[in-house]
Amino acid sequence: MKAGYKMTELGELPEEWELVNLVKVASIKNSNVDKKSDKSEITIRLCNYMDVYNNDYISDKLNFMTATAKEEEINKFLLYQGDVIITKDSETKEDIAKATVVTENFKDVLCGYHLSLIRPSSDLEGVYLSKLFGLNIVKQQLVRKANGTTRFGLNISVIQDLLIPLPPLPEQEKIARILSTVDRKIEAIGAQIEQARVLKKGLLQRLLTRGIGHTRFKETALGEVPEAWEVVELSSLAKCFVGIASSATHAYTDHGVLLIRNQNIKSGKIVLDDILMVDKEYEIQHKSKRLRAGDILTVRTGYPGISAVVPPELENCQSFTTLIVRRFKEIISSDFLCYYINSDLGKSFFASGQAGGAQKNIGAKVLQKMKIIIPPLPEQEKIAQILSTADEKIDMLQAKQAAYRELKKGLMQQLLTGKIRVSPSP
């Protein structure tokens, strides 16, 4: 064992750190305040399950739901700066004990139902505690003791008995500052991503309806467009058909031909996470369905309409129950057409009565009826390039954010177990 460390129930920890049950350094209350409509009660705001699940910090920037509560409930569950809130039950064990910390005092925000309110004592720093719930050696104590079958929950005694590593308070505060700094960076990048998405959406709407540098316009069934543009049915530009639609379970293999499913299709890209493969014998039976570079794959079921272009490296792969759009006229660019289908214009088609009113299963014959606005091919390519640049900016920011998240995970593991020590600020 490394000098200056001791062995504990949670593994090696610095010698001056304590290992304590949470109840010794915090008060814990399970909230039963839910949204009500009794006019005799006091109108209040409620911090609910999703507020906690989606945010590392609770502040007035969040849009809390309005609720009513009794005065004694307000006194018991009102939120104060430094309070930690965790999800005490969930449909999956993995989502139990998702933690957040309150960053300001509230006069009218309560801890809501399905949540536990943890108020640290003066020996425990709130941000530090909230980060501990993301540490595997801490969270797994709760996951193992969660009860239930279809929904899992934590008894208050389980939360009270939780063992946590407790450094001296100044060290807790320094750890909290470091992790909060990384969180702020992740949040700032998230704001940049949202800003880039808004910019792209505005560009998409303008470029697909106004084009580049046009001064003369005409009215069409899809609204005003540049005079030189056409509006045609997709059927005049491309063939639409469905990928493999017969059972493939028996043909799954670890080494074979990629089988792209609806869940692999994201807006503008094909994601090869959770990808399946089928054996060559089965694939040959469906060789007429083989994908070609430049085909557009469109989600057919669940959330129909989401589309992506097949890149060259996925040529001759197969797809399962997806819609395939294969151009037979070179007057339309695959990239432009994909952006169009993914745009608000495309979404309005899938939500329209023509497409069955946002039905959960769109057929090839229905898709072929989509009306497409067509600029001249050189302008299509310019539009697609501008939008591709916007996508590259978003992808770069998302990669940067993912890198900071990985940094945070590593820092949490090192700092919250004392493997890396920090000196308190003077």
Protein backbone atom coordinates (compact mmCIF):
# COMPACT_ATOMS: atom_id res chain seq x y z
CA MET A 1 0.00 0.00 0.00
CA LYS A 2 1.22 3.49 -0.85
CA ALA A 3 2.63 5.48 2.05
CA GLY A 4 0.10 7.84 3.59
CA TYR A 5 -2.89 5.65 2.66
CA LYS A 6 -5.05 3.13 4.50
CA MET A 7 -7.31 0.29 3.41
CA THR A 8 -11.05 0.85 3.97
CA GLU A 9 -14.32 -0.76 2.92
CA LEU A 10 -14.21 1.47 -0.17
CA GLY A 11 -10.59 0.73 -1.01
CA GLU A 12 -7.46 2.77 -0.40
CA LEU A 13 -8.00 6.27 0.98
CA PRO A 14 -5.64 8.89 2.42
CA GLU A 15 -4.94 8.30 6.11
CA GLU A 16 -6.46 11.61 7.24
CA TRP A 17 -9.70 10.98 5.36
CA GLU A 18 -12.63 9.51 7.26
CA LEU A 19 -15.15 6.95 6.05
CA VAL A 20 -18.58 7.83 7.43
CA ASN A 21 -22.24 7.00 7.01
CA LEU A 22 -24.02 9.84 5.25
CA VAL A 23 -26.51 10.26 8.09
CA LYS A 24 -23.66 11.41 10.38
CA VAL A 25 -22.92 14.46 8.23
CA ALA A 26 -26.27 15.27 6.61
CA SER A 27 -30.01 15.25 7.20
CA ILE A 28 -32.00 13.20 4.67
CA LYS A 29 -35.68 13.53 3.79
CA ASN A 30 -37.69 11.75 1.11
CA SER A 31 -40.06 14.24 -0.49
CA ASN A 32 -43.74 13.47 -1.06
CA VAL A 33 -44.65 16.85 -2.58
CA ASP A 34 -46.35 16.42 -5.94
CA LYS A 35 -48.14 18.80 -8.28
CA LYS A 36 -51.62 19.51 -6.87
CA SER A 37 -54.61 21.67 -7.68
CA ASP A 38 -56.09 22.42 -4.26
CA LYS A 39 -56.72 26.18 -4.32
CA SER A 40 -56.66 26.34 -0.53
CA GLU A 41 -52.95 25.52 -0.54
CA ILE A 42 -50.04 27.86 -1.25
CA THR A 43 -48.81 28.28 -4.84
CA ILE A 44 -45.18 27.23 -5.10
CA ARG A 45 -42.60 26.09 -7.64
CA LEU A 46 -41.46 22.49 -7.74
CA CYS A 47 -38.04 21.08 -8.57
CA ASN A 48 -39.04 17.77 -10.14
CA TYR A 49 -37.38 14.53 -11.21
CA MET A 50 -36.27 15.71 -14.67
CA ASP A 51 -34.81 18.94 -13.26
CA VAL A 52 -32.51 16.77 -11.16
CA TYR A 53 -31.90 14.14 -13.83
CA ASN A 54 -30.86 16.65 -16.51
CA ASN A 55 -28.82 19.15 -14.49
CA ASP A 56 -25.71 19.08 -12.32
CA TYR A 57 -26.78 22.33 -10.66
CA ILE A 58 -30.16 23.73 -9.61
CA SER A 59 -30.54 27.47 -10.07
CA ASP A 60 -33.25 29.95 -11.00
CA LYS A 61 -32.27 29.53 -14.66
CA LEU A 62 -34.46 26.42 -14.72
CA ASN A 63 -38.14 26.61 -15.61
CA PHE A 64 -39.74 24.99 -12.57
CA MET A 65 -43.31 23.76 -12.75
CA THR A 66 -45.97 25.50 -10.69
CA ALA A 67 -47.57 23.49 -7.89
CA THR A 68 -49.38 23.92 -4.60
CA ALA A 69 -48.26 22.78 -1.16
CA LYS A 70 -49.15 22.93 2.49
CA GLU A 71 -47.22 25.31 4.75
CA GLU A 72 -45.64 22.42 6.63
CA GLU A 73 -44.42 20.94 3.32
CA ILE A 74 -42.87 24.27 2.38
CA ASN A 75 -41.05 24.46 5.69
CA LYS A 76 -39.79 20.91 5.29
CA PHE A 77 -38.76 20.80 1.62
CA LEU A 78 -37.79 24.37 0.68
CA LEU A 79 -34.45 24.42 -1.14
CA TYR A 80 -31.36 26.20 0.16
CA GLN A 81 -27.92 26.75 -1.29
CA GLY A 82 -25.73 23.68 -0.81
CA ASP A 83 -28.64 21.20 -0.64
CA VAL A 84 -28.09 18.01 -2.62
CA ILE A 85 -31.01 16.29 -4.34
CA ILE A 86 -30.95 12.73 -5.67
CA THR A 87 -33.42 10.61 -7.61
CA LYS A 88 -34.63 8.06 -5.08
CA ASP A 89 -36.50 5.84 -7.54
CA SER A 90 -36.46 5.09 -11.24
CA GLU A 91 -37.48 2.60 -13.92
CA THR A 92 -33.86 1.43 -14.12
CA LYS A 93 -31.31 0.91 -11.37
CA GLU A 94 -28.74 2.91 -13.35
CA ASP A 95 -30.85 6.06 -13.02
CA ILE A 96 -31.13 5.82 -9.24
CA ALA A 97 -29.16 8.38 -7.21
CA LYS A 98 -28.57 10.85 -10.03
CA ALA A 99 -27.46 13.85 -7.99
CA THR A 100 -27.52 17.62 -8.32
CA VAL A 101 -26.68 20.51 -6.01
CA VAL A 102 -28.61 23.72 -5.31
CA THR A 103 -26.56 26.84 -6.06
CA GLU A 104 -28.76 29.51 -4.42
CA ASN A 105 -31.36 30.01 -1.71
CA PHE A 106 -34.97 29.82 -2.86
CA LYS A 107 -38.05 31.36 -1.29
CA ASP A 108 -40.54 29.39 -3.36
CA VAL A 109 -38.96 26.22 -4.81
CA LEU A 110 -39.56 22.86 -3.17
CA CYS A 111 -37.96 19.47 -3.59
CA GLY A 112 -40.54 17.37 -5.43
CA TYR A 113 -41.76 13.78 -5.46
CA HIS A 114 -39.46 10.83 -6.39
CA LEU A 115 -36.54 12.79 -4.90
CA SER A 116 -34.52 12.79 -1.70
CA LEU A 117 -33.39 16.06 -0.16
CA ILE A 118 -29.99 15.86 1.51
CA ARG A 119 -28.86 18.84 3.59
CA PRO A 120 -25.14 18.63 4.44
CA SER A 121 -23.83 19.62 7.83
CA SER A 122 -21.07 22.19 8.26
CA ASP A 123 -18.53 19.37 7.85
CA LEU A 124 -19.69 18.45 4.34
CA GLU A 125 -19.51 20.56 1.17
CA GLY A 126 -22.57 20.28 -1.11
CA VAL A 127 -20.86 20.20 -4.52
CA TYR A 128 -18.35 17.64 -3.22
CA LEU A 129 -21.21 15.43 -1.98
CA SER A 130 -23.14 15.71 -5.26
CA LYS A 131 -20.07 14.53 -7.18
CA LEU A 132 -19.63 11.53 -4.87
CA PHE A 133 -22.88 10.09 -6.23
CA GLY A 134 -21.18 9.83 -9.63
CA LEU A 135 -18.38 7.71 -8.15
CA ASN A 136 -18.91 4.00 -8.79
CA ILE A 137 -17.82 2.83 -5.31
CA VAL A 138 -20.45 5.12 -3.81
CA LYS A 139 -23.31 4.73 -6.25
CA GLN A 140 -23.09 0.93 -6.40
CA GLN A 141 -23.85 0.76 -2.68
CA LEU A 142 -27.27 2.21 -3.48
CA VAL A 143 -27.83 0.31 -6.73
CA ARG A 144 -27.26 -3.02 -4.98
CA LYS A 145 -29.83 -2.22 -2.30
CA ALA A 146 -32.52 -0.72 -4.55
CA ASN A 147 -35.78 -2.65 -4.28
CA GLY A 148 -38.56 -3.22 -6.80
CA THR A 149 -39.31 -5.06 -10.02
CA THR A 150 -40.75 -2.64 -12.62
CA ARG A 151 -39.62 0.47 -10.72
CA PHE A 152 -36.70 0.53 -8.35
CA GLY A 153 -36.52 2.62 -5.19
CA LEU A 154 -34.35 3.44 -2.20
CA ASN A 155 -35.53 3.27 1.38
CA ILE A 156 -34.37 6.24 3.42
CA SER A 157 -32.37 3.92 5.67
CA VAL A 158 -30.31 2.80 2.66
CA ILE A 159 -29.42 6.41 1.86
CA GLN A 160 -28.64 7.12 5.51
CA ASP A 161 -26.28 4.13 5.71
CA LEU A 162 -24.37 5.15 2.58
CA LEU A 163 -20.62 5.12 3.19
CA ILE A 164 -18.78 8.15 1.83
CA PRO A 165 -15.13 9.22 1.89
CA LEU A 166 -14.76 12.45 3.86
CA PRO A 167 -11.61 14.57 3.43
CA PRO A 168 -11.03 17.61 5.64
CA LEU A 169 -13.45 20.40 4.67
CA PRO A 170 -10.82 22.65 2.97
CA GLU A 171 -9.84 19.74 0.70
CA GLN A 172 -13.50 19.05 -0.10
CA GLU A 173 -13.92 22.70 -1.09
CA LYS A 174 -10.87 22.62 -3.37
CA ILE A 175 -12.07 19.41 -5.05
CA ALA A 176 -15.50 21.00 -5.52
CA ARG A 177 -13.96 24.11 -7.12
CA ILE A 178 -11.91 22.05 -9.58
CA LEU A 179 -14.86 19.92 -10.68
CA SER A 180 -17.17 22.93 -10.85
CA THR A 181 -14.68 24.67 -13.16
CA VAL A 182 -14.81 21.71 -15.56
CA ASP A 183 -18.62 21.67 -15.32
CA ARG A 184 -18.75 25.36 -16.25
CA LYS A 185 -16.57 24.66 -19.29
CA ILE A 186 -18.84 21.80 -20.36
CA GLU A 187 -21.88 24.04 -19.89
CA ALA A 188 -20.27 26.88 -21.89
CA ILE A 189 -19.52 24.52 -24.78
CA GLY A 190 -23.11 23.27 -24.57
CA ALA A 191 -24.32 26.85 -25.01
CA GLN A 192 -22.06 27.21 -28.06
CA ILE A 193 -23.50 23.99 -29.50
CA GLU A 194 -27.05 25.26 -29.03
CA GLN A 195 -26.13 28.58 -30.63
CA ALA A 196 -24.57 26.76 -33.60
CA ARG A 197 -27.69 24.61 -33.98
CA VAL A 198 -29.94 27.68 -33.99
CA LEU A 199 -27.70 29.30 -36.60
CA LYS A 200 -27.80 26.17 -38.76
CA LYS A 201 -31.58 25.95 -38.49
CA GLY A 202 -31.91 29.56 -39.64
CA LEU A 203 -29.49 28.95 -42.50
CA LEU A 204 -31.34 25.81 -43.50
CA GLN A 205 -34.70 27.55 -43.64
CA ARG A 206 -33.37 30.52 -45.58
CA LEU A 207 -31.18 28.62 -48.04
CA LEU A 208 -33.85 26.03 -48.89
CA THR A 209 -36.48 28.66 -49.64
CA ARG A 210 -34.56 31.83 -50.67
CA GLY A 211 -31.35 30.40 -52.09
CA ILE A 212 -28.20 32.43 -52.69
CA GLY A 213 -28.43 35.93 -54.18
CA HIS A 214 -31.89 35.70 -55.78
CA THR A 215 -34.07 38.78 -56.36
CA ARG A 216 -36.98 37.32 -58.34
CA PHE A 217 -39.41 34.88 -56.71
CA LYS A 218 -42.60 32.97 -57.51
CA GLU A 219 -45.40 31.37 -55.54
CA THR A 220 -45.56 27.56 -55.40
CA ALA A 221 -47.45 24.91 -53.45
CA LEU A 222 -44.60 25.11 -50.90
CA GLY A 223 -44.55 28.90 -50.68
CA GLU A 224 -42.39 31.54 -52.32
CA VAL A 225 -39.17 30.30 -53.96
CA PRO A 226 -36.68 31.75 -56.46
CA GLU A 227 -38.12 32.05 -59.96
CA ALA A 228 -35.59 29.65 -61.51
CA TRP A 229 -36.32 26.84 -59.05
CA GLU A 230 -38.68 23.91 -59.62
CA VAL A 231 -41.03 22.00 -57.33
CA VAL A 232 -41.45 18.31 -58.20
CA GLU A 233 -42.46 15.05 -56.55
CA LEU A 234 -39.64 12.90 -55.23
CA SER A 235 -40.88 10.08 -57.48
CA SER A 236 -39.60 12.02 -60.51
CA LEU A 237 -36.09 12.15 -59.07
CA ALA A 238 -35.53 8.93 -57.18
CA LYS A 239 -36.68 5.42 -56.51
CA CYS A 240 -37.89 4.76 -52.95
CA PHE A 241 -37.92 1.24 -51.53
CA VAL A 242 -37.56 -0.59 -48.22
CA GLY A 243 -34.44 -2.44 -47.11
CA ILE A 244 -34.50 -6.04 -45.88
CA ALA A 245 -37.85 -6.66 -44.23
CA SER A 246 -37.71 -10.41 -43.51
CA SER A 247 -36.53 -11.95 -40.24
CA ALA A 248 -32.77 -11.75 -39.91
CA THR A 249 -32.28 -13.04 -36.34
CA HIS A 250 -31.06 -16.45 -37.50
CA ALA A 251 -28.39 -14.83 -39.70
CA TYR A 252 -26.72 -12.63 -37.07
CA THR A 253 -22.98 -13.16 -36.85
CA ASP A 254 -19.86 -11.54 -35.40
CA HIS A 255 -18.19 -11.28 -38.81
CA GLY A 256 -20.27 -10.54 -41.87
CA VAL A 257 -22.08 -7.76 -43.69
CA LEU A 258 -23.18 -4.67 -41.73
CA LEU A 259 -26.94 -4.38 -41.22
CA ILE A 260 -27.96 -0.76 -40.64
CA ARG A 261 -31.17 -0.30 -38.65
CA ASN A 262 -33.43 2.67 -38.04
CA GLN A 263 -31.71 3.40 -34.71
CA ASN A 264 -28.36 3.78 -36.52
CA ILE A 265 -29.72 6.67 -38.61
CA LYS A 266 -29.30 10.12 -37.08
CA SER A 267 -29.96 13.45 -38.75
CA GLY A 268 -27.22 13.73 -41.37
CA LYS A 269 -25.10 10.78 -40.22
CA ILE A 270 -25.09 7.02 -39.81
CA VAL A 271 -23.86 5.96 -36.38
CA LEU A 272 -22.32 2.50 -36.15
CA ASP A 273 -23.00 2.04 -32.43
CA ASP A 274 -24.86 -1.15 -31.57
CA ILE A 275 -24.45 -2.34 -35.16
CA LEU A 276 -25.50 -5.82 -36.28
CA MET A 277 -23.99 -8.12 -38.91
CA VAL A 278 -25.55 -10.85 -41.02
CA ASP A 279 -23.82 -13.80 -42.65
CA LYS A 280 -22.95 -13.67 -46.35
CA GLU A 281 -25.33 -16.46 -47.34
CA TYR A 282 -28.31 -14.51 -45.98
CA GLU A 283 -27.03 -11.25 -47.46
CA ILE A 284 -26.74 -12.73 -50.96
CA GLN A 285 -30.44 -13.61 -50.83
CA HIS A 286 -31.09 -9.87 -50.55
CA LYS A 287 -28.42 -8.55 -52.93
CA SER A 288 -30.97 -6.35 -54.71
CA LYS A 289 -31.22 -4.32 -51.48
CA ARG A 290 -27.49 -3.59 -51.21
CA LEU A 291 -26.76 0.03 -50.45
CA ARG A 292 -24.89 2.31 -52.81
CA ALA A 293 -22.83 5.35 -51.92
CA GLY A 294 -25.08 8.39 -52.27
CA ASP A 295 -28.26 6.55 -51.30
CA ILE A 296 -30.30 8.25 -48.61
CA LEU A 297 -31.45 6.14 -45.68
CA THR A 298 -34.63 7.39 -44.02
CA VAL A 299 -36.08 6.18 -40.73
CA ARG A 300 -39.32 4.37 -41.44
CA THR A 301 -40.69 3.51 -38.01
CA GLY A 302 -40.85 5.25 -34.65
CA TYR A 303 -39.67 8.73 -35.68
CA PRO A 304 -40.02 8.57 -39.46
CA GLY A 305 -38.21 11.03 -41.68
CA ILE A 306 -34.77 11.28 -40.05
CA SER A 307 -32.30 10.80 -42.91
CA ALA A 308 -28.60 10.34 -43.70
CA VAL A 309 -26.52 9.84 -46.85
CA VAL A 310 -24.74 6.49 -47.29
CA PRO A 311 -20.97 7.22 -47.42
CA PRO A 312 -18.63 5.31 -49.78
CA GLU A 313 -17.30 3.11 -46.96
CA LEU A 314 -20.79 1.67 -46.38
CA GLU A 315 -21.44 0.77 -50.02
CA ASN A 316 -22.76 -2.83 -50.36
CA CYS A 317 -23.92 -2.94 -46.76
CA GLN A 318 -27.55 -3.80 -46.03
CA SER A 319 -30.29 -2.03 -44.12
CA PHE A 320 -33.18 -3.45 -42.14
CA THR A 321 -36.71 -2.03 -42.62
CA THR A 322 -35.34 1.42 -43.46
CA LEU A 323 -36.49 3.48 -46.42
CA ILE A 324 -33.89 3.81 -49.18
CA VAL A 325 -33.97 6.76 -51.57
CA ARG A 326 -31.88 6.09 -54.69
CA ARG A 327 -31.53 8.90 -57.19
CA PHE A 328 -31.99 8.07 -60.86
CA LYS A 329 -31.57 11.66 -62.05
CA GLU A 330 -28.36 13.62 -61.55
CA ILE A 331 -30.22 16.92 -61.27
CA ILE A 332 -30.46 16.39 -57.50
CA SER A 333 -27.55 16.23 -55.04
CA SER A 334 -27.72 13.52 -52.37
CA ASP A 335 -26.45 15.92 -49.72
CA PHE A 336 -28.92 18.64 -50.70
CA LEU A 337 -31.82 16.16 -50.76
CA CYS A 338 -30.84 14.79 -47.34
CA TYR A 339 -30.73 18.30 -45.85
CA TYR A 340 -34.13 18.96 -47.42
CA ILE A 341 -35.75 15.82 -45.95
CA ASN A 342 -34.30 16.65 -42.52
CA SER A 343 -35.46 20.28 -42.69
CA ASP A 344 -38.71 21.74 -41.38
CA LEU A 345 -40.08 21.39 -44.92
CA GLY A 346 -39.42 17.65 -44.78
CA LYS A 347 -40.72 17.33 -41.23
CA SER A 348 -43.95 19.10 -42.19
CA PHE A 349 -44.52 16.44 -44.86
CA PHE A 350 -44.17 13.58 -42.37
CA ALA A 351 -46.51 15.35 -39.96
CA SER A 352 -49.08 16.11 -42.65
CA GLY A 353 -52.25 14.27 -43.57
CA GLN A 354 -50.53 13.29 -46.81
CA ALA A 355 -48.09 11.18 -44.82
CA GLY A 356 -50.77 9.84 -42.50
CA GLY A 357 -50.62 12.54 -39.82
CA ALA A 358 -47.29 11.71 -38.15
CA GLN A 359 -48.00 7.99 -38.24
CA LYS A 360 -45.34 5.67 -36.82
CA ASN A 361 -44.69 3.74 -40.03
CA ILE A 362 -44.10 5.43 -43.41
CA GLY A 363 -44.12 3.47 -46.65
CA ALA A 364 -42.00 3.99 -49.77
CA LYS A 365 -45.02 4.98 -51.86
CA VAL A 366 -45.88 7.70 -49.36
CA LEU A 367 -42.34 9.08 -49.35
CA GLN A 368 -42.30 9.26 -53.14
CA LYS A 369 -45.14 11.81 -52.96
CA MET A 370 -43.00 14.33 -51.06
CA LYS A 371 -42.68 17.59 -52.98
CA ILE A 372 -39.09 18.74 -53.37
CA ILE A 373 -37.85 22.26 -54.13
CA ILE A 374 -35.01 21.99 -56.65
CA PRO A 375 -32.46 24.73 -57.32
CA PRO A 376 -30.00 24.25 -60.20
CA LEU A 377 -27.40 21.61 -59.30
CA PRO A 378 -24.46 24.04 -58.78
CA GLU A 379 -26.57 26.02 -56.29
CA GLN A 380 -27.64 22.82 -54.52
CA GLU A 381 -23.98 21.94 -54.05
CA LYS A 382 -23.17 25.41 -52.68
CA ILE A 383 -26.09 25.20 -50.25
CA ALA A 384 -25.03 21.72 -49.12
CA GLN A 385 -21.44 22.94 -48.60
CA ILE A 386 -22.56 25.89 -46.44
CA LEU A 387 -24.71 23.58 -44.31
CA SER A 388 -21.92 21.00 -44.12
CA THR A 389 -19.60 23.68 -42.72
CA ALA A 390 -22.22 24.43 -40.05
CA ASP A 391 -22.41 20.70 -39.24
CA GLU A 392 -18.62 20.49 -38.95
CA LYS A 393 -18.68 23.33 -36.43
CA ILE A 394 -21.30 21.49 -34.35
CA ASP A 395 -19.37 18.20 -34.59
CA MET A 396 -16.15 19.96 -33.47
CA LEU A 397 -17.90 21.48 -30.46
CA GLN A 398 -19.51 18.16 -29.54
CA ALA A 399 -16.14 16.41 -29.70
CA LYS A 400 -14.65 19.14 -27.50
CA GLN A 401 -17.46 18.76 -24.99
CA ALA A 402 -17.04 14.97 -24.98
CA ALA A 403 -13.32 15.41 -24.26
CA TYR A 404 -14.08 17.61 -21.25
CA ARG A 405 -16.61 15.06 -20.00
CA GLU A 406 -13.94 12.37 -20.18
CA LEU A 407 -11.56 14.69 -18.34
CA LYS A 408 -14.19 15.20 -15.66
CA LYS A 409 -14.72 11.44 -15.24
CA GLY A 410 -10.99 10.93 -14.79
CA LEU A 411 -10.68 13.81 -12.35
CA MET A 412 -13.62 12.55 -10.29
CA GLN A 413 -12.08 9.11 -9.97
CA GLN A 414 -8.72 10.54 -8.93
CA LEU A 415 -9.84 13.44 -6.72
CA LEU A 416 -12.78 11.81 -4.93
CA THR A 417 -10.71 8.82 -3.85
CA GLY A 418 -7.62 10.80 -2.89
CA LYS A 419 -5.40 9.24 -5.56
CA ILE A 420 -4.56 12.81 -6.50
CA ARG A 421 -4.33 15.19 -3.55
CA VAL A 422 -5.04 18.90 -3.74
CA SER A 423 -3.78 21.57 -1.43
CA PRO A 424 -6.49 23.87 -0.06
CA SER A 425 -6.31 27.42 -1.39
CA PRO A 426 -4.88 29.94 1.08
